[in-house]
Amino acid sequence: MILRFIVILSLIFPQGPSEVLPKTKILQKTTVFGKSSGHSFGRSFNGTTDALNSSATVDLTSTPVISVWFWLNKTAFANDDHLAAESSTNHNSNNGAFIIDPDGSVGSPCSNFFAFGVHQGGLEEEAGFTRPSAGAWHSYLLVISTTGGSSHKAYLDGVSASGLVACSANAGSGNFGNYTIYLMSRATTSLFTAGSMAEFAVWKADESANASALNSGTLPSAIDSANLVRYVHICGTASPEPDQQSGSWTITGTPSQVTGPGVINCP
């Protein structure tokens, strides 16, 4: 019986059982067809002192249209203009600066909407859409144009966002600016947002055609890499957070590591 057991083991583990564990570990981190596998993380922001910002300005002066993509788990929605992202210290006074405002307080027809847009030619060019459920991860792809809110596009969890509408008839022209990008606050000093964020990318192009692919886990670096200007995983393991394209992201406060949406994983 002992001899038979040894023979069976030798057939199952020809190089010994100890060889199985190293092979399992090797499979935990791979990249296949532009998708990552491993562990998904993000950072949790407390809504009072936590924020991120690009370590240098992000030059978007060559384009009249940008795409911004990220995963966000908003603790709760309100109408108090607490921000997910903004370029410049205050987009209201900086031409070609954009804003992403989950708690938009814009009036009709964007009342109680997730708002986003750009300040151009002294005008606010915003659009809004119906807010998704709070307390859950959602993928957002927002396409923002300097030609007006009616040109903006929004994709929620890979499909066109419900209720999308221009918040005003304002229209302009020209390109975006060259500003620092702030996440989960206004300039790391006010309008802090409570919730978790994982992955943040900016392209100087319209990436509408890639909304579904991004939601399904295709890496931004595998999508139109020529126009990708910033991409940070927000893994919660490094300070500052490294950007996959250029520079890094400075941490304010103590945004802690949390389990991410489980689609794209940290390297």
C-alpha atoms as a PDB file:
ATOM      1  CA  MET A   1       0.000   0.000   0.000  1.00  0.00           C
ATOM      2  CA  ILE A   2       2.852   2.423   0.845  1.00  0.00           C
ATOM      3  CA  LEU A   3       4.546   1.729  -2.506  1.00  0.00           C
ATOM      4  CA  ARG A   4       1.278   2.322  -4.421  1.00  0.00           C
ATOM      5  CA  PHE A   5       0.760   5.668  -2.617  1.00  0.00           C
ATOM      6  CA  ILE A   6       4.256   6.820  -3.546  1.00  0.00           C
ATOM      7  CA  VAL A   7       3.687   5.889  -7.192  1.00  0.00           C
ATOM      8  CA  ILE A   8       0.420   7.903  -7.297  1.00  0.00           C
ATOM      9  CA  LEU A   9       2.137  10.931  -5.766  1.00  0.00           C
ATOM     10  CA  SER A  10       4.942  10.763  -8.295  1.00  0.00           C
ATOM     11  CA  LEU A  11       2.398  10.873 -11.134  1.00  0.00           C
ATOM     12  CA  ILE A  12       0.576  13.916  -9.706  1.00  0.00           C
ATOM     13  CA  PHE A  13       3.689  15.823  -8.578  1.00  0.00           C
ATOM     14  CA  PRO A  14       6.521  14.692 -10.896  1.00  0.00           C
ATOM     15  CA  GLN A  15       8.878  17.303  -9.375  1.00  0.00           C
ATOM     16  CA  GLY A  16       7.523  17.086  -5.850  1.00  0.00           C
ATOM     17  CA  PRO A  17       4.512  18.827  -4.176  1.00  0.00           C
ATOM     18  CA  SER A  18       6.685  21.809  -3.190  1.00  0.00           C
ATOM     19  CA  GLU A  19       6.768  22.959  -6.840  1.00  0.00           C
ATOM     20  CA  VAL A  20       3.050  23.820  -6.906  1.00  0.00           C
ATOM     21  CA  LEU A  21       3.089  26.887  -4.626  1.00  0.00           C
ATOM     22  CA  PRO A  22       5.728  28.889  -6.548  1.00  0.00           C
ATOM     23  CA  LYS A  23       3.780  28.361  -9.784  1.00  0.00           C
ATOM     24  CA  THR A  24       0.607  29.623  -8.106  1.00  0.00           C
ATOM     25  CA  LYS A  25       2.388  32.785  -6.956  1.00  0.00           C
ATOM     26  CA  ILE A  26       3.708  33.475 -10.445  1.00  0.00           C
ATOM     27  CA  LEU A  27       0.146  33.471 -11.812  1.00  0.00           C
ATOM     28  CA  GLN A  28      -1.016  36.126  -9.355  1.00  0.00           C
ATOM     29  CA  LYS A  29       0.484  39.019 -11.348  1.00  0.00           C
ATOM     30  CA  THR A  30       0.220  38.927 -15.112  1.00  0.00           C
ATOM     31  CA  THR A  31      -0.936  41.142 -17.941  1.00  0.00           C
ATOM     32  CA  VAL A  32      -2.838  39.510 -20.786  1.00  0.00           C
ATOM     33  CA  PHE A  33      -4.329  41.309 -23.791  1.00  0.00           C
ATOM     34  CA  GLY A  34      -4.074  44.671 -22.038  1.00  0.00           C
ATOM     35  CA  LYS A  35      -5.799  43.502 -18.877  1.00  0.00           C
ATOM     36  CA  SER A  36      -4.235  43.134 -15.430  1.00  0.00           C
ATOM     37  CA  SER A  37      -4.649  40.391 -12.861  1.00  0.00           C
ATOM     38  CA  GLY A  38      -3.650  40.482  -9.208  1.00  0.00           C
ATOM     39  CA  HIS A  39      -5.184  42.635  -6.491  1.00  0.00           C
ATOM     40  CA  SER A  40      -7.499  45.623  -6.922  1.00  0.00           C
ATOM     41  CA  PHE A  41      -7.026  48.559  -4.553  1.00  0.00           C
ATOM     42  CA  GLY A  42      -7.974  52.206  -4.209  1.00  0.00           C
ATOM     43  CA  ARG A  43      -7.855  54.897  -1.552  1.00  0.00           C
ATOM     44  CA  SER A  44     -10.566  56.002   0.851  1.00  0.00           C
ATOM     45  CA  PHE A  45     -10.946  59.771   1.347  1.00  0.00           C
ATOM     46  CA  ASN A  46     -12.496  61.084   4.563  1.00  0.00           C
ATOM     47  CA  GLY A  47     -14.269  64.127   3.093  1.00  0.00           C
ATOM     48  CA  THR A  48     -12.476  66.628   5.348  1.00  0.00           C
ATOM     49  CA  THR A  49      -8.689  66.526   4.850  1.00  0.00           C
ATOM     50  CA  ASP A  50      -7.803  63.830   2.280  1.00  0.00           C
ATOM     51  CA  ALA A  51      -6.928  64.593  -1.340  1.00  0.00           C
ATOM     52  CA  LEU A  52      -4.534  63.969  -4.249  1.00  0.00           C
ATOM     53  CA  ASN A  53      -3.054  66.338  -6.803  1.00  0.00           C
ATOM     54  CA  SER A  54      -0.745  66.019  -9.794  1.00  0.00           C
ATOM     55  CA  SER A  55       2.817  66.902  -8.830  1.00  0.00           C
ATOM     56  CA  ALA A  56       3.093  69.145 -11.902  1.00  0.00           C
ATOM     57  CA  THR A  57       0.693  70.942 -14.198  1.00  0.00           C
ATOM     58  CA  VAL A  58      -0.960  68.852 -16.914  1.00  0.00           C
ATOM     59  CA  ASP A  59      -0.678  70.512 -20.316  1.00  0.00           C
ATOM     60  CA  LEU A  60      -3.918  70.200 -22.303  1.00  0.00           C
ATOM     61  CA  THR A  61      -3.418  73.376 -24.349  1.00  0.00           C
ATOM     62  CA  SER A  62      -3.261  71.476 -27.643  1.00  0.00           C
ATOM     63  CA  THR A  63      -6.821  70.108 -27.502  1.00  0.00           C
ATOM     64  CA  PRO A  64     -10.446  71.347 -27.377  1.00  0.00           C
ATOM     65  CA  VAL A  65     -11.695  67.977 -26.092  1.00  0.00           C
ATOM     66  CA  ILE A  66     -10.549  65.683 -23.278  1.00  0.00           C
ATOM     67  CA  SER A  67     -11.686  62.386 -21.770  1.00  0.00           C
ATOM     68  CA  VAL A  68     -11.464  61.723 -18.043  1.00  0.00           C
ATOM     69  CA  TRP A  69     -11.972  58.210 -16.661  1.00  0.00           C
ATOM     70  CA  PHE A  70     -12.015  56.933 -13.081  1.00  0.00           C
ATOM     71  CA  TRP A  71     -13.655  54.546 -10.621  1.00  0.00           C
ATOM     72  CA  LEU A  72     -15.508  56.215  -7.738  1.00  0.00           C
ATOM     73  CA  ASN A  73     -17.375  54.828  -4.740  1.00  0.00           C
ATOM     74  CA  LYS A  74     -19.213  57.859  -3.352  1.00  0.00           C
ATOM     75  CA  THR A  75     -20.216  57.556   0.297  1.00  0.00           C
ATOM     76  CA  ALA A  76     -23.349  59.659  -0.250  1.00  0.00           C
ATOM     77  CA  PHE A  77     -24.594  62.273  -2.697  1.00  0.00           C
ATOM     78  CA  ALA A  78     -25.692  65.793  -1.795  1.00  0.00           C
ATOM     79  CA  ASN A  79     -26.091  69.182  -3.489  1.00  0.00           C
ATOM     80  CA  ASP A  80     -23.070  70.887  -1.947  1.00  0.00           C
ATOM     81  CA  ASP A  81     -20.511  70.810  -4.796  1.00  0.00           C
ATOM     82  CA  HIS A  82     -17.993  68.501  -3.164  1.00  0.00           C
ATOM     83  CA  LEU A  83     -15.677  67.577  -6.013  1.00  0.00           C
ATOM     84  CA  ALA A  84     -14.246  64.423  -7.548  1.00  0.00           C
ATOM     85  CA  ALA A  85     -11.775  66.339  -9.731  1.00  0.00           C
ATOM     86  CA  GLU A  86     -10.894  69.858 -10.831  1.00  0.00           C
ATOM     87  CA  SER A  87      -8.083  71.388 -12.843  1.00  0.00           C
ATOM     88  CA  SER A  88      -6.603  74.630 -11.443  1.00  0.00           C
ATOM     89  CA  THR A  89      -7.235  75.938  -7.926  1.00  0.00           C
ATOM     90  CA  ASN A  90     -10.716  77.068  -8.997  1.00  0.00           C
ATOM     91  CA  HIS A  91     -12.083  76.421 -12.469  1.00  0.00           C
ATOM     92  CA  ASN A  92     -14.538  79.333 -12.127  1.00  0.00           C
ATOM     93  CA  SER A  93     -11.725  81.840 -12.620  1.00  0.00           C
ATOM     94  CA  ASN A  94      -9.404  79.902 -14.947  1.00  0.00           C
ATOM     95  CA  ASN A  95     -10.076  79.620 -18.651  1.00  0.00           C
ATOM     96  CA  GLY A  96      -9.849  76.082 -20.004  1.00  0.00           C
ATOM     97  CA  ALA A  97     -10.113  74.461 -16.554  1.00  0.00           C
ATOM     98  CA  PHE A  98     -12.472  71.516 -16.021  1.00  0.00           C
ATOM     99  CA  ILE A  99     -14.611  70.390 -13.084  1.00  0.00           C
ATOM    100  CA  ILE A 100     -16.178  67.050 -12.103  1.00  0.00           C
ATOM    101  CA  ASP A 101     -18.845  67.603  -9.470  1.00  0.00           C
ATOM    102  CA  PRO A 102     -20.829  64.557  -8.234  1.00  0.00           C
ATOM    103  CA  ASP A 103     -22.674  66.811  -5.794  1.00  0.00           C
ATOM    104  CA  GLY A 104     -23.640  69.444  -8.335  1.00  0.00           C
ATOM    105  CA  SER A 105     -25.845  72.270  -7.100  1.00  0.00           C
ATOM    106  CA  VAL A 106     -26.591  73.537 -10.614  1.00  0.00           C
ATOM    107  CA  GLY A 107     -30.251  74.418 -11.027  1.00  0.00           C
ATOM    108  CA  SER A 108     -32.747  73.162 -13.619  1.00  0.00           C
ATOM    109  CA  PRO A 109     -32.398  71.251 -15.873  1.00  0.00           C
ATOM    110  CA  CYS A 110     -29.475  69.761 -13.902  1.00  0.00           C
ATOM    111  CA  SER A 111     -30.962  69.796 -10.397  1.00  0.00           C
ATOM    112  CA  ASN A 112     -29.616  66.969  -8.213  1.00  0.00           C
ATOM    113  CA  PHE A 113     -27.370  65.754 -11.035  1.00  0.00           C
ATOM    114  CA  PHE A 114     -23.782  64.592 -11.335  1.00  0.00           C
ATOM    115  CA  ALA A 115     -22.315  67.661 -13.082  1.00  0.00           C
ATOM    116  CA  PHE A 116     -19.153  68.202 -15.119  1.00  0.00           C
ATOM    117  CA  GLY A 117     -17.788  70.737 -17.556  1.00  0.00           C
ATOM    118  CA  VAL A 118     -15.264  73.431 -18.397  1.00  0.00           C
ATOM    119  CA  HIS A 119     -14.867  77.177 -17.866  1.00  0.00           C
ATOM    120  CA  GLN A 120     -14.293  78.742 -21.264  1.00  0.00           C
ATOM    121  CA  GLY A 121     -14.507  82.328 -22.489  1.00  0.00           C
ATOM    122  CA  GLY A 122     -15.768  83.461 -19.099  1.00  0.00           C
ATOM    123  CA  LEU A 123     -18.693  81.030 -19.258  1.00  0.00           C
ATOM    124  CA  GLU A 124     -19.587  77.800 -17.464  1.00  0.00           C
ATOM    125  CA  GLU A 125     -20.170  75.039 -20.002  1.00  0.00           C
ATOM    126  CA  GLU A 126     -21.563  72.171 -17.943  1.00  0.00           C
ATOM    127  CA  ALA A 127     -23.650  69.056 -18.456  1.00  0.00           C
ATOM    128  CA  GLY A 128     -25.197  66.697 -15.942  1.00  0.00           C
ATOM    129  CA  PHE A 129     -26.680  63.214 -15.645  1.00  0.00           C
ATOM    130  CA  THR A 130     -28.630  61.142 -13.151  1.00  0.00           C
ATOM    131  CA  ARG A 131     -26.527  60.114 -10.175  1.00  0.00           C
ATOM    132  CA  PRO A 132     -25.938  56.375  -9.691  1.00  0.00           C
ATOM    133  CA  SER A 133     -26.293  54.524  -6.398  1.00  0.00           C
ATOM    134  CA  ALA A 134     -24.090  55.689  -3.530  1.00  0.00           C
ATOM    135  CA  GLY A 135     -21.939  53.279  -1.550  1.00  0.00           C
ATOM    136  CA  ALA A 136     -20.925  51.278  -4.630  1.00  0.00           C
ATOM    137  CA  TRP A 137     -18.123  51.379  -7.186  1.00  0.00           C
ATOM    138  CA  HIS A 138     -18.966  52.915 -10.563  1.00  0.00           C
ATOM    139  CA  SER A 139     -16.886  53.510 -13.674  1.00  0.00           C
ATOM    140  CA  TYR A 140     -17.137  57.035 -15.130  1.00  0.00           C
ATOM    141  CA  LEU A 141     -15.912  58.153 -18.545  1.00  0.00           C
ATOM    142  CA  LEU A 142     -16.572  61.852 -19.153  1.00  0.00           C
ATOM    143  CA  VAL A 143     -15.850  63.553 -22.482  1.00  0.00           C
ATOM    144  CA  ILE A 144     -15.608  67.327 -22.074  1.00  0.00           C
ATOM    145  CA  SER A 145     -15.517  69.813 -24.977  1.00  0.00           C
ATOM    146  CA  THR A 146     -14.809  73.537 -24.945  1.00  0.00           C
ATOM    147  CA  THR A 147     -17.579  74.023 -27.527  1.00  0.00           C
ATOM    148  CA  GLY A 148     -20.325  73.770 -24.898  1.00  0.00           C
ATOM    149  CA  GLY A 149     -22.260  71.508 -22.550  1.00  0.00           C
ATOM    150  CA  SER A 150     -24.338  70.103 -25.386  1.00  0.00           C
ATOM    151  CA  SER A 151     -21.133  68.534 -26.747  1.00  0.00           C
ATOM    152  CA  HIS A 152     -20.217  66.783 -23.500  1.00  0.00           C
ATOM    153  CA  LYS A 153     -20.666  63.008 -23.188  1.00  0.00           C
ATOM    154  CA  ALA A 154     -20.938  60.745 -20.141  1.00  0.00           C
ATOM    155  CA  TYR A 155     -20.664  56.982 -19.725  1.00  0.00           C
ATOM    156  CA  LEU A 156     -21.559  55.225 -16.508  1.00  0.00           C
ATOM    157  CA  ASP A 157     -20.428  51.624 -16.025  1.00  0.00           C
ATOM    158  CA  GLY A 158     -19.604  51.371 -19.710  1.00  0.00           C
ATOM    159  CA  VAL A 159     -22.854  52.692 -21.209  1.00  0.00           C
ATOM    160  CA  SER A 160     -24.326  56.124 -21.910  1.00  0.00           C
ATOM    161  CA  ALA A 161     -25.334  57.822 -18.662  1.00  0.00           C
ATOM    162  CA  SER A 162     -29.043  58.244 -18.027  1.00  0.00           C
ATOM    163  CA  GLY A 163     -30.565  61.711 -18.215  1.00  0.00           C
ATOM    164  CA  LEU A 164     -27.563  63.463 -19.763  1.00  0.00           C
ATOM    165  CA  VAL A 165     -28.418  67.097 -20.536  1.00  0.00           C
ATOM    166  CA  ALA A 166     -26.618  70.403 -21.052  1.00  0.00           C
ATOM    167  CA  CYS A 167     -27.002  72.538 -17.937  1.00  0.00           C
ATOM    168  CA  SER A 168     -26.944  75.769 -19.970  1.00  0.00           C
ATOM    169  CA  ALA A 169     -26.805  76.999 -23.555  1.00  0.00           C
ATOM    170  CA  ASN A 170     -23.330  78.479 -23.052  1.00  0.00           C
ATOM    171  CA  ALA A 171     -20.908  77.687 -25.863  1.00  0.00           C
ATOM    172  CA  GLY A 172     -17.336  78.677 -26.511  1.00  0.00           C
ATOM    173  CA  SER A 173     -14.208  77.721 -28.391  1.00  0.00           C
ATOM    174  CA  GLY A 174     -10.488  77.265 -27.861  1.00  0.00           C
ATOM    175  CA  ASN A 175      -8.431  74.690 -26.016  1.00  0.00           C
ATOM    176  CA  PHE A 176      -8.032  73.495 -22.448  1.00  0.00           C
ATOM    177  CA  GLY A 177      -5.424  74.939 -20.086  1.00  0.00           C
ATOM    178  CA  ASN A 178      -2.218  73.893 -18.362  1.00  0.00           C
ATOM    179  CA  TYR A 179      -3.108  73.387 -14.700  1.00  0.00           C
ATOM    180  CA  THR A 180      -2.566  71.135 -11.711  1.00  0.00           C
ATOM    181  CA  ILE A 181      -5.307  68.496 -11.397  1.00  0.00           C
ATOM    182  CA  TYR A 182      -6.825  67.995  -7.940  1.00  0.00           C
ATOM    183  CA  LEU A 183      -8.742  64.876  -6.900  1.00  0.00           C
ATOM    184  CA  MET A 184     -11.426  64.657  -4.210  1.00  0.00           C
ATOM    185  CA  SER A 185     -11.154  68.340  -3.234  1.00  0.00           C
ATOM    186  CA  ARG A 186     -10.763  71.910  -4.459  1.00  0.00           C
ATOM    187  CA  ALA A 187      -7.021  72.649  -4.372  1.00  0.00           C
ATOM    188  CA  THR A 188      -6.626  70.324  -1.313  1.00  0.00           C
ATOM    189  CA  THR A 189      -8.190  73.039   0.872  1.00  0.00           C
ATOM    190  CA  SER A 190     -11.994  72.819   0.502  1.00  0.00           C
ATOM    191  CA  LEU A 191     -14.936  70.948  -1.081  1.00  0.00           C
ATOM    192  CA  PHE A 192     -13.492  67.599   0.038  1.00  0.00           C
ATOM    193  CA  THR A 193     -15.428  64.512  -1.043  1.00  0.00           C
ATOM    194  CA  ALA A 194     -16.033  61.431   1.115  1.00  0.00           C
ATOM    195  CA  GLY A 195     -15.645  58.143  -0.718  1.00  0.00           C
ATOM    196  CA  SER A 196     -13.096  55.967  -2.472  1.00  0.00           C
ATOM    197  CA  MET A 197     -11.332  56.403  -5.803  1.00  0.00           C
ATOM    198  CA  ALA A 198      -9.327  53.927  -7.878  1.00  0.00           C
ATOM    199  CA  GLU A 199      -7.755  54.591 -11.272  1.00  0.00           C
ATOM    200  CA  PHE A 200      -7.713  58.031 -12.851  1.00  0.00           C
ATOM    201  CA  ALA A 201      -6.774  58.769 -16.460  1.00  0.00           C
ATOM    202  CA  VAL A 202      -6.900  61.740 -18.827  1.00  0.00           C
ATOM    203  CA  TRP A 203      -6.674  61.696 -22.633  1.00  0.00           C
ATOM    204  CA  LYS A 204      -6.513  64.671 -24.990  1.00  0.00           C
ATOM    205  CA  ALA A 205      -9.095  63.039 -27.274  1.00  0.00           C
ATOM    206  CA  ASP A 206     -12.660  61.700 -27.340  1.00  0.00           C
ATOM    207  CA  GLU A 207     -12.527  58.131 -25.983  1.00  0.00           C
ATOM    208  CA  SER A 208     -16.273  57.411 -26.195  1.00  0.00           C
ATOM    209  CA  ALA A 209     -15.679  54.272 -28.237  1.00  0.00           C
ATOM    210  CA  ASN A 210     -13.673  52.778 -25.348  1.00  0.00           C
ATOM    211  CA  ALA A 211     -16.201  53.216 -22.523  1.00  0.00           C
ATOM    212  CA  SER A 212     -17.181  49.556 -22.447  1.00  0.00           C
ATOM    213  CA  ALA A 213     -13.586  48.322 -22.686  1.00  0.00           C
ATOM    214  CA  LEU A 214     -12.492  50.510 -19.767  1.00  0.00           C
ATOM    215  CA  ASN A 215     -15.422  49.344 -17.650  1.00  0.00           C
ATOM    216  CA  SER A 216     -14.507  45.723 -18.414  1.00  0.00           C
ATOM    217  CA  GLY A 217     -10.878  46.095 -17.307  1.00  0.00           C
ATOM    218  CA  THR A 218      -8.830  47.096 -20.336  1.00  0.00           C
ATOM    219  CA  LEU A 219      -5.901  49.194 -19.152  1.00  0.00           C
ATOM    220  CA  PRO A 220      -5.918  52.875 -20.185  1.00  0.00           C
ATOM    221  CA  SER A 221      -2.346  52.408 -21.365  1.00  0.00           C
ATOM    222  CA  ALA A 222      -3.682  49.902 -23.904  1.00  0.00           C
ATOM    223  CA  ILE A 223      -6.230  52.434 -25.197  1.00  0.00           C
ATOM    224  CA  ASP A 224      -5.038  55.291 -27.412  1.00  0.00           C
ATOM    225  CA  SER A 225      -1.677  55.567 -25.691  1.00  0.00           C
ATOM    226  CA  ALA A 226      -0.654  58.400 -28.023  1.00  0.00           C
ATOM    227  CA  ASN A 227      -3.266  60.710 -26.448  1.00  0.00           C
ATOM    228  CA  LEU A 228      -3.022  59.438 -22.851  1.00  0.00           C
ATOM    229  CA  VAL A 229      -1.456  62.229 -20.785  1.00  0.00           C
ATOM    230  CA  ARG A 230      -1.963  61.022 -17.193  1.00  0.00           C
ATOM    231  CA  TYR A 231      -2.785  57.640 -15.632  1.00  0.00           C
ATOM    232  CA  VAL A 232      -2.523  56.816 -11.919  1.00  0.00           C
ATOM    233  CA  HIS A 233      -3.630  53.521 -10.362  1.00  0.00           C
ATOM    234  CA  ILE A 234      -4.233  55.030  -6.864  1.00  0.00           C
ATOM    235  CA  CYS A 235      -3.078  51.796  -5.222  1.00  0.00           C
ATOM    236  CA  GLY A 236      -2.589  53.198  -1.726  1.00  0.00           C
ATOM    237  CA  THR A 237       0.878  51.698  -1.277  1.00  0.00           C
ATOM    238  CA  ALA A 238       3.195  54.553  -2.278  1.00  0.00           C
ATOM    239  CA  SER A 239       3.632  58.216  -1.380  1.00  0.00           C
ATOM    240  CA  PRO A 240       3.543  59.992  -3.726  1.00  0.00           C
ATOM    241  CA  GLU A 241       1.370  57.850  -6.003  1.00  0.00           C
ATOM    242  CA  PRO A 242       3.312  57.127  -9.234  1.00  0.00           C
ATOM    243  CA  ASP A 243       1.786  58.152 -12.549  1.00  0.00           C
ATOM    244  CA  GLN A 244       2.154  55.619 -15.353  1.00  0.00           C
ATOM    245  CA  GLN A 245       2.674  58.371 -17.948  1.00  0.00           C
ATOM    246  CA  SER A 246       4.552  61.220 -16.271  1.00  0.00           C
ATOM    247  CA  GLY A 247       5.388  62.416 -12.784  1.00  0.00           C
ATOM    248  CA  SER A 248       3.429  61.499  -9.674  1.00  0.00           C
ATOM    249  CA  TRP A 249       0.478  62.473  -7.461  1.00  0.00           C
ATOM    250  CA  THR A 250       0.972  64.214  -4.123  1.00  0.00           C
ATOM    251  CA  ILE A 251      -1.009  62.970  -1.134  1.00  0.00           C
ATOM    252  CA  THR A 252      -2.726  65.331   1.310  1.00  0.00           C
ATOM    253  CA  GLY A 253      -4.004  63.911   4.587  1.00  0.00           C
ATOM    254  CA  THR A 254      -4.091  60.157   5.078  1.00  0.00           C
ATOM    255  CA  PRO A 255      -6.328  58.541   2.436  1.00  0.00           C
ATOM    256  CA  SER A 256      -6.133  54.859   3.366  1.00  0.00           C
ATOM    257  CA  GLN A 257      -5.895  51.810   1.125  1.00  0.00           C
ATOM    258  CA  VAL A 258      -9.172  50.004   0.450  1.00  0.00           C
ATOM    259  CA  THR A 259     -10.300  47.118  -1.735  1.00  0.00           C
ATOM    260  CA  GLY A 260     -10.927  48.431  -5.244  1.00  0.00           C
ATOM    261  CA  PRO A 261     -13.620  47.678  -7.823  1.00  0.00           C
ATOM    262  CA  GLY A 262     -11.954  44.394  -8.750  1.00  0.00           C
ATOM    263  CA  VAL A 263     -11.588  45.120 -12.465  1.00  0.00           C
ATOM    264  CA  ILE A 264      -8.154  46.691 -12.930  1.00  0.00           C
ATOM    265  CA  ASN A 265      -5.492  45.724 -10.451  1.00  0.00           C
ATOM    266  CA  CYS A 266      -2.391  47.286  -9.025  1.00  0.00           C
ATOM    267  CA  PRO A 267       0.997  46.378 -10.578  1.00  0.00           C
END
